[in-house]
PDB file of all heavy atoms in Angstrom:
ATOM      1  N   GLY A   1     -59.069 149.237  56.599  1.00  0.00           N
ATOM      2  CA  GLY A   1     -60.286 148.517  56.971  1.00  0.00           C
ATOM      3  C   GLY A   1     -61.472 148.836  56.098  1.00  0.00           C
ATOM      4  O   GLY A   1     -62.627 148.658  56.513  1.00  0.00           O
ATOM      5  N   VAL A   2     -61.215 149.306  54.871  1.00  0.00           N
ATOM      6  CA  VAL A   2     -62.300 149.640  53.951  1.00  0.00           C
ATOM      7  C   VAL A   2     -62.609 148.404  53.115  1.00  0.00           C
ATOM      8  O   VAL A   2     -61.907 148.097  52.147  1.00  0.00           O
ATOM      9  CB  VAL A   2     -61.921 150.819  53.035  1.00  0.00           C
ATOM     10  CG1 VAL A   2     -63.080 151.163  52.109  1.00  0.00           C
ATOM     11  CG2 VAL A   2     -61.525 152.029  53.869  1.00  0.00           C
ATOM     12  N   GLY A   3     -63.597 147.667  53.477  1.00  0.00           N
ATOM     13  CA  GLY A   3     -63.934 146.420  52.809  1.00  0.00           C
ATOM     14  C   GLY A   3     -63.321 145.241  53.533  1.00  0.00           C
ATOM     15  O   GLY A   3     -62.579 145.384  54.510  1.00  0.00           O
ATOM     16  N   SER A   4     -63.623 144.053  53.053  1.00  0.00           N
ATOM     17  CA  SER A   4     -63.144 142.834  53.701  1.00  0.00           C
ATOM     18  C   SER A   4     -61.969 142.248  52.924  1.00  0.00           C
ATOM     19  O   SER A   4     -61.717 142.601  51.782  1.00  0.00           O
ATOM     20  CB  SER A   4     -64.277 141.805  53.773  1.00  0.00           C
ATOM     21  OG  SER A   4     -64.740 141.491  52.460  1.00  0.00           O
ATOM     22  N   GLY A   5     -61.241 141.347  53.583  1.00  0.00           N
ATOM     23  CA  GLY A   5     -60.131 140.685  52.937  1.00  0.00           C
ATOM     24  C   GLY A   5     -58.843 141.486  53.015  1.00  0.00           C
ATOM     25  O   GLY A   5     -58.787 142.581  53.587  1.00  0.00           O
ATOM     26  N   TYR A   6     -57.798 140.928  52.407  1.00  0.00           N
ATOM     27  CA  TYR A   6     -56.466 141.531  52.490  1.00  0.00           C
ATOM     28  C   TYR A   6     -56.428 142.893  51.815  1.00  0.00           C
ATOM     29  O   TYR A   6     -55.813 143.842  52.330  1.00  0.00           O
ATOM     30  CB  TYR A   6     -55.458 140.582  51.835  1.00  0.00           C
ATOM     31  CG  TYR A   6     -54.031 141.054  51.926  1.00  0.00           C
ATOM     32  CD1 TYR A   6     -53.286 140.898  53.099  1.00  0.00           C
ATOM     33  CD2 TYR A   6     -53.404 141.652  50.832  1.00  0.00           C
ATOM     34  CE1 TYR A   6     -51.969 141.319  53.184  1.00  0.00           C
ATOM     35  CE2 TYR A   6     -52.084 142.085  50.906  1.00  0.00           C
ATOM     36  CZ  TYR A   6     -51.372 141.918  52.081  1.00  0.00           C
ATOM     37  OH  TYR A   6     -50.072 142.346  52.148  1.00  0.00           O
ATOM     38  N   TYR A   7     -57.070 143.024  50.655  1.00  0.00           N
ATOM     39  CA  TYR A   7     -57.011 144.272  49.904  1.00  0.00           C
ATOM     40  C   TYR A   7     -58.216 145.179  50.112  1.00  0.00           C
ATOM     41  O   TYR A   7     -58.248 146.289  49.580  1.00  0.00           O
ATOM     42  CB  TYR A   7     -56.882 143.976  48.398  1.00  0.00           C
ATOM     43  CG  TYR A   7     -55.503 143.524  47.993  1.00  0.00           C
ATOM     44  CD1 TYR A   7     -55.201 142.172  47.866  1.00  0.00           C
ATOM     45  CD2 TYR A   7     -54.490 144.439  47.748  1.00  0.00           C
ATOM     46  CE1 TYR A   7     -53.934 141.745  47.497  1.00  0.00           C
ATOM     47  CE2 TYR A   7     -53.210 144.023  47.387  1.00  0.00           C
ATOM     48  CZ  TYR A   7     -52.945 142.681  47.267  1.00  0.00           C
ATOM     49  OH  TYR A   7     -51.685 142.265  46.910  1.00  0.00           O
ATOM     50  N   GLY A   8     -59.196 144.755  50.878  1.00  0.00           N
ATOM     51  CA  GLY A   8     -60.415 145.548  50.967  1.00  0.00           C
ATOM     52  C   GLY A   8     -61.268 145.323  49.732  1.00  0.00           C
ATOM     53  O   GLY A   8     -61.196 144.263  49.100  1.00  0.00           O
ATOM     54  N   PHE A   9     -62.045 146.305  49.341  1.00  0.00           N
ATOM     55  CA  PHE A   9     -62.959 146.085  48.220  1.00  0.00           C
ATOM     56  C   PHE A   9     -62.313 146.354  46.859  1.00  0.00           C
ATOM     57  O   PHE A   9     -62.913 146.106  45.815  1.00  0.00           O
ATOM     58  CB  PHE A   9     -64.223 146.954  48.373  1.00  0.00           C
ATOM     59  CG  PHE A   9     -64.025 148.406  48.033  1.00  0.00           C
ATOM     60  CD1 PHE A   9     -64.240 148.857  46.738  1.00  0.00           C
ATOM     61  CD2 PHE A   9     -63.634 149.314  49.004  1.00  0.00           C
ATOM     62  CE1 PHE A   9     -64.070 150.189  46.418  1.00  0.00           C
ATOM     63  CE2 PHE A   9     -63.456 150.648  48.697  1.00  0.00           C
ATOM     64  CZ  PHE A   9     -63.671 151.090  47.388  1.00  0.00           C
ATOM     65  N   LEU A  10     -61.049 146.831  46.845  1.00  0.00           N
ATOM     66  CA  LEU A  10     -60.373 147.112  45.590  1.00  0.00           C
ATOM     67  C   LEU A  10     -58.878 146.871  45.768  1.00  0.00           C
ATOM     68  O   LEU A  10     -58.291 147.338  46.747  1.00  0.00           O
ATOM     69  CB  LEU A  10     -60.623 148.570  45.169  1.00  0.00           C
ATOM     70  CG  LEU A  10     -60.320 148.963  43.720  1.00  0.00           C
ATOM     71  CD1 LEU A  10     -61.236 148.175  42.773  1.00  0.00           C
ATOM     72  CD2 LEU A  10     -60.517 150.464  43.524  1.00  0.00           C
ATOM     73  N   PRO A  11     -58.229 146.131  44.839  1.00  0.00           N
ATOM     74  CA  PRO A  11     -56.798 145.815  44.993  1.00  0.00           C
ATOM     75  C   PRO A  11     -55.901 147.017  44.681  1.00  0.00           C
ATOM     76  O   PRO A  11     -55.385 147.160  43.564  1.00  0.00           O
ATOM     77  CB  PRO A  11     -56.584 144.672  43.994  1.00  0.00           C
ATOM     78  CG  PRO A  11     -57.625 144.888  42.945  1.00  0.00           C
ATOM     79  CD  PRO A  11     -58.815 145.464  43.666  1.00  0.00           C
ATOM     80  N   ILE A  12     -55.714 147.878  45.677  1.00  0.00           N
ATOM     81  CA  ILE A  12     -54.841 149.042  45.554  1.00  0.00           C
ATOM     82  C   ILE A  12     -53.697 148.887  46.550  1.00  0.00           C
ATOM     83  O   ILE A  12     -53.912 148.587  47.726  1.00  0.00           O
ATOM     84  CB  ILE A  12     -55.597 150.354  45.841  1.00  0.00           C
ATOM     85  CG1 ILE A  12     -56.739 150.535  44.841  1.00  0.00           C
ATOM     86  CG2 ILE A  12     -54.667 151.552  45.777  1.00  0.00           C
ATOM     87  CD1 ILE A  12     -57.573 151.780  45.103  1.00  0.00           C
ATOM     88  N   GLU A  13     -52.477 149.116  46.070  1.00  0.00           N
ATOM     89  CA  GLU A  13     -51.292 149.010  46.912  1.00  0.00           C
ATOM     90  C   GLU A  13     -50.576 150.349  46.975  1.00  0.00           C
ATOM     91  O   GLU A  13     -50.415 151.027  45.958  1.00  0.00           O
ATOM     92  CB  GLU A  13     -50.348 147.948  46.345  1.00  0.00           C
ATOM     93  CG  GLU A  13     -49.083 147.726  47.171  1.00  0.00           C
ATOM     94  CD  GLU A  13     -48.228 146.612  46.593  1.00  0.00           C
ATOM     95  OE1 GLU A  13     -47.631 146.823  45.521  1.00  0.00           O
ATOM     96  OE2 GLU A  13     -48.182 145.538  47.208  1.00  0.00           O
ATOM     97  N   PHE A  14     -50.156 150.721  48.182  1.00  0.00           N
ATOM     98  CA  PHE A  14     -49.380 151.950  48.383  1.00  0.00           C
ATOM     99  C   PHE A  14     -47.973 151.545  48.788  1.00  0.00           C
ATOM    100  O   PHE A  14     -47.779 150.591  49.542  1.00  0.00           O
ATOM    101  CB  PHE A  14     -50.024 152.810  49.470  1.00  0.00           C
ATOM    102  CG  PHE A  14     -49.289 154.094  49.734  1.00  0.00           C
ATOM    103  CD1 PHE A  14     -49.485 155.199  48.930  1.00  0.00           C
ATOM    104  CD2 PHE A  14     -48.389 154.183  50.791  1.00  0.00           C
ATOM    105  CE1 PHE A  14     -48.802 156.384  49.167  1.00  0.00           C
ATOM    106  CE2 PHE A  14     -47.701 155.362  51.034  1.00  0.00           C
ATOM    107  CZ  PHE A  14     -47.912 156.464  50.216  1.00  0.00           C
ATOM    108  N   ALA A  15     -46.978 152.275  48.286  1.00  0.00           N
ATOM    109  CA  ALA A  15     -45.589 151.924  48.590  1.00  0.00           C
ATOM    110  C   ALA A  15     -44.738 153.172  48.749  1.00  0.00           C
ATOM    111  O   ALA A  15     -44.912 154.157  48.022  1.00  0.00           O
ATOM    112  CB  ALA A  15     -45.017 151.040  47.485  1.00  0.00           C
ATOM    113  N   LEU A  16     -43.828 153.125  49.707  1.00  0.00           N
ATOM    114  CA  LEU A  16     -42.743 154.101  49.833  1.00  0.00           C
ATOM    115  C   LEU A  16     -41.476 153.402  49.364  1.00  0.00           C
ATOM    116  O   LEU A  16     -41.219 152.255  49.746  1.00  0.00           O
ATOM    117  CB  LEU A  16     -42.594 154.560  51.282  1.00  0.00           C
ATOM    118  CG  LEU A  16     -43.815 155.251  51.890  1.00  0.00           C
ATOM    119  CD1 LEU A  16     -43.582 155.511  53.382  1.00  0.00           C
ATOM    120  CD2 LEU A  16     -44.132 156.550  51.175  1.00  0.00           C
ATOM    121  N   PHE A  17     -40.674 154.066  48.546  1.00  0.00           N
ATOM    122  CA  PHE A  17     -39.553 153.365  47.938  1.00  0.00           C
ATOM    123  C   PHE A  17     -38.292 154.216  47.895  1.00  0.00           C
ATOM    124  O   PHE A  17     -38.330 155.446  48.014  1.00  0.00           O
ATOM    125  CB  PHE A  17     -39.912 152.918  46.509  1.00  0.00           C
ATOM    126  CG  PHE A  17     -40.169 154.048  45.550  1.00  0.00           C
ATOM    127  CD1 PHE A  17     -39.123 154.693  44.901  1.00  0.00           C
ATOM    128  CD2 PHE A  17     -41.464 154.469  45.288  1.00  0.00           C
ATOM    129  CE1 PHE A  17     -39.358 155.731  44.014  1.00  0.00           C
ATOM    130  CE2 PHE A  17     -41.710 155.517  44.404  1.00  0.00           C
ATOM    131  CZ  PHE A  17     -40.652 156.149  43.769  1.00  0.00           C
ATOM    132  N   ALA A  18     -37.179 153.531  47.696  1.00  0.00           N
ATOM    133  CA  ALA A  18     -35.880 154.163  47.440  1.00  0.00           C
ATOM    134  C   ALA A  18     -35.169 153.317  46.403  1.00  0.00           C
ATOM    135  O   ALA A  18     -35.117 152.086  46.524  1.00  0.00           O
ATOM    136  CB  ALA A  18     -35.053 154.260  48.719  1.00  0.00           C
ATOM    137  N   ASP A  19     -34.640 153.964  45.366  1.00  0.00           N
ATOM    138  CA  ASP A  19     -33.955 153.281  44.271  1.00  0.00           C
ATOM    139  C   ASP A  19     -32.541 153.834  44.118  1.00  0.00           C
ATOM    140  O   ASP A  19     -32.301 155.026  44.337  1.00  0.00           O
ATOM    141  CB  ASP A  19     -34.690 153.477  42.938  1.00  0.00           C
ATOM    142  CG  ASP A  19     -36.094 152.889  42.935  1.00  0.00           C
ATOM    143  OD1 ASP A  19     -36.357 151.986  43.751  1.00  0.00           O
ATOM    144  OD2 ASP A  19     -36.923 153.330  42.119  1.00  0.00           O
ATOM    145  N   ALA A  20     -31.632 152.979  43.698  1.00  0.00           N
ATOM    146  CA  ALA A  20     -30.274 153.399  43.360  1.00  0.00           C
ATOM    147  C   ALA A  20     -29.797 152.554  42.197  1.00  0.00           C
ATOM    148  O   ALA A  20     -30.101 151.354  42.126  1.00  0.00           O
ATOM    149  CB  ALA A  20     -29.329 153.244  44.543  1.00  0.00           C
ATOM    150  N   GLY A  21     -29.074 153.175  41.266  1.00  0.00           N
ATOM    151  CA  GLY A  21     -28.619 152.415  40.113  1.00  0.00           C
ATOM    152  C   GLY A  21     -27.409 153.042  39.453  1.00  0.00           C
ATOM    153  O   GLY A  21     -27.144 154.238  39.601  1.00  0.00           O
ATOM    154  N   LEU A  22     -26.686 152.217  38.718  1.00  0.00           N
ATOM    155  CA  LEU A  22     -25.474 152.661  38.032  1.00  0.00           C
ATOM    156  C   LEU A  22     -25.415 151.996  36.672  1.00  0.00           C
ATOM    157  O   LEU A  22     -25.632 150.787  36.550  1.00  0.00           O
ATOM    158  CB  LEU A  22     -24.240 152.284  38.861  1.00  0.00           C
ATOM    159  CG  LEU A  22     -22.871 152.546  38.226  1.00  0.00           C
ATOM    160  CD1 LEU A  22     -22.632 154.040  38.061  1.00  0.00           C
ATOM    161  CD2 LEU A  22     -21.763 151.920  39.080  1.00  0.00           C
ATOM    162  N   ALA A  23     -25.134 152.784  35.639  1.00  0.00           N
ATOM    163  CA  ALA A  23     -24.884 152.269  34.286  1.00  0.00           C
ATOM    164  C   ALA A  23     -23.453 152.620  33.907  1.00  0.00           C
ATOM    165  O   ALA A  23     -23.007 153.751  34.125  1.00  0.00           O
ATOM    166  CB  ALA A  23     -25.872 152.888  33.296  1.00  0.00           C
ATOM    167  N   TRP A  24     -22.728 151.665  33.328  1.00  0.00           N
ATOM    168  CA  TRP A  24     -21.348 151.951  32.969  1.00  0.00           C
ATOM    169  C   TRP A  24     -20.920 151.067  31.802  1.00  0.00           C
ATOM    170  O   TRP A  24     -21.658 150.193  31.344  1.00  0.00           O
ATOM    171  CB  TRP A  24     -20.431 151.756  34.169  1.00  0.00           C
ATOM    172  CG  TRP A  24     -20.109 150.350  34.556  1.00  0.00           C
ATOM    173  CD1 TRP A  24     -19.011 149.618  34.210  1.00  0.00           C
ATOM    174  CD2 TRP A  24     -20.885 149.480  35.402  1.00  0.00           C
ATOM    175  NE1 TRP A  24     -19.048 148.373  34.781  1.00  0.00           N
ATOM    176  CE2 TRP A  24     -20.179 148.262  35.513  1.00  0.00           C
ATOM    177  CE3 TRP A  24     -22.112 149.623  36.079  1.00  0.00           C
ATOM    178  CZ2 TRP A  24     -20.668 147.180  36.263  1.00  0.00           C
ATOM    179  CZ3 TRP A  24     -22.588 148.556  36.815  1.00  0.00           C
ATOM    180  CH2 TRP A  24     -21.873 147.361  36.907  1.00  0.00           C
ATOM    181  N   CYS A  25     -19.713 151.320  31.323  1.00  0.00           N
ATOM    182  CA  CYS A  25     -19.148 150.597  30.192  1.00  0.00           C
ATOM    183  C   CYS A  25     -17.820 149.980  30.597  1.00  0.00           C
ATOM    184  O   CYS A  25     -17.202 150.403  31.577  1.00  0.00           O
ATOM    185  CB  CYS A  25     -18.947 151.529  28.996  1.00  0.00           C
ATOM    186  SG  CYS A  25     -20.444 152.455  28.555  1.00  0.00           S
TER     187      CYS A  25
END
């Protein structure tokens, strides 16, 4: 709720993530 609008007064996004990947031949 810091500022108005969807992003507030500054477009900052926070994310929690999980990644998985595989490289092969």
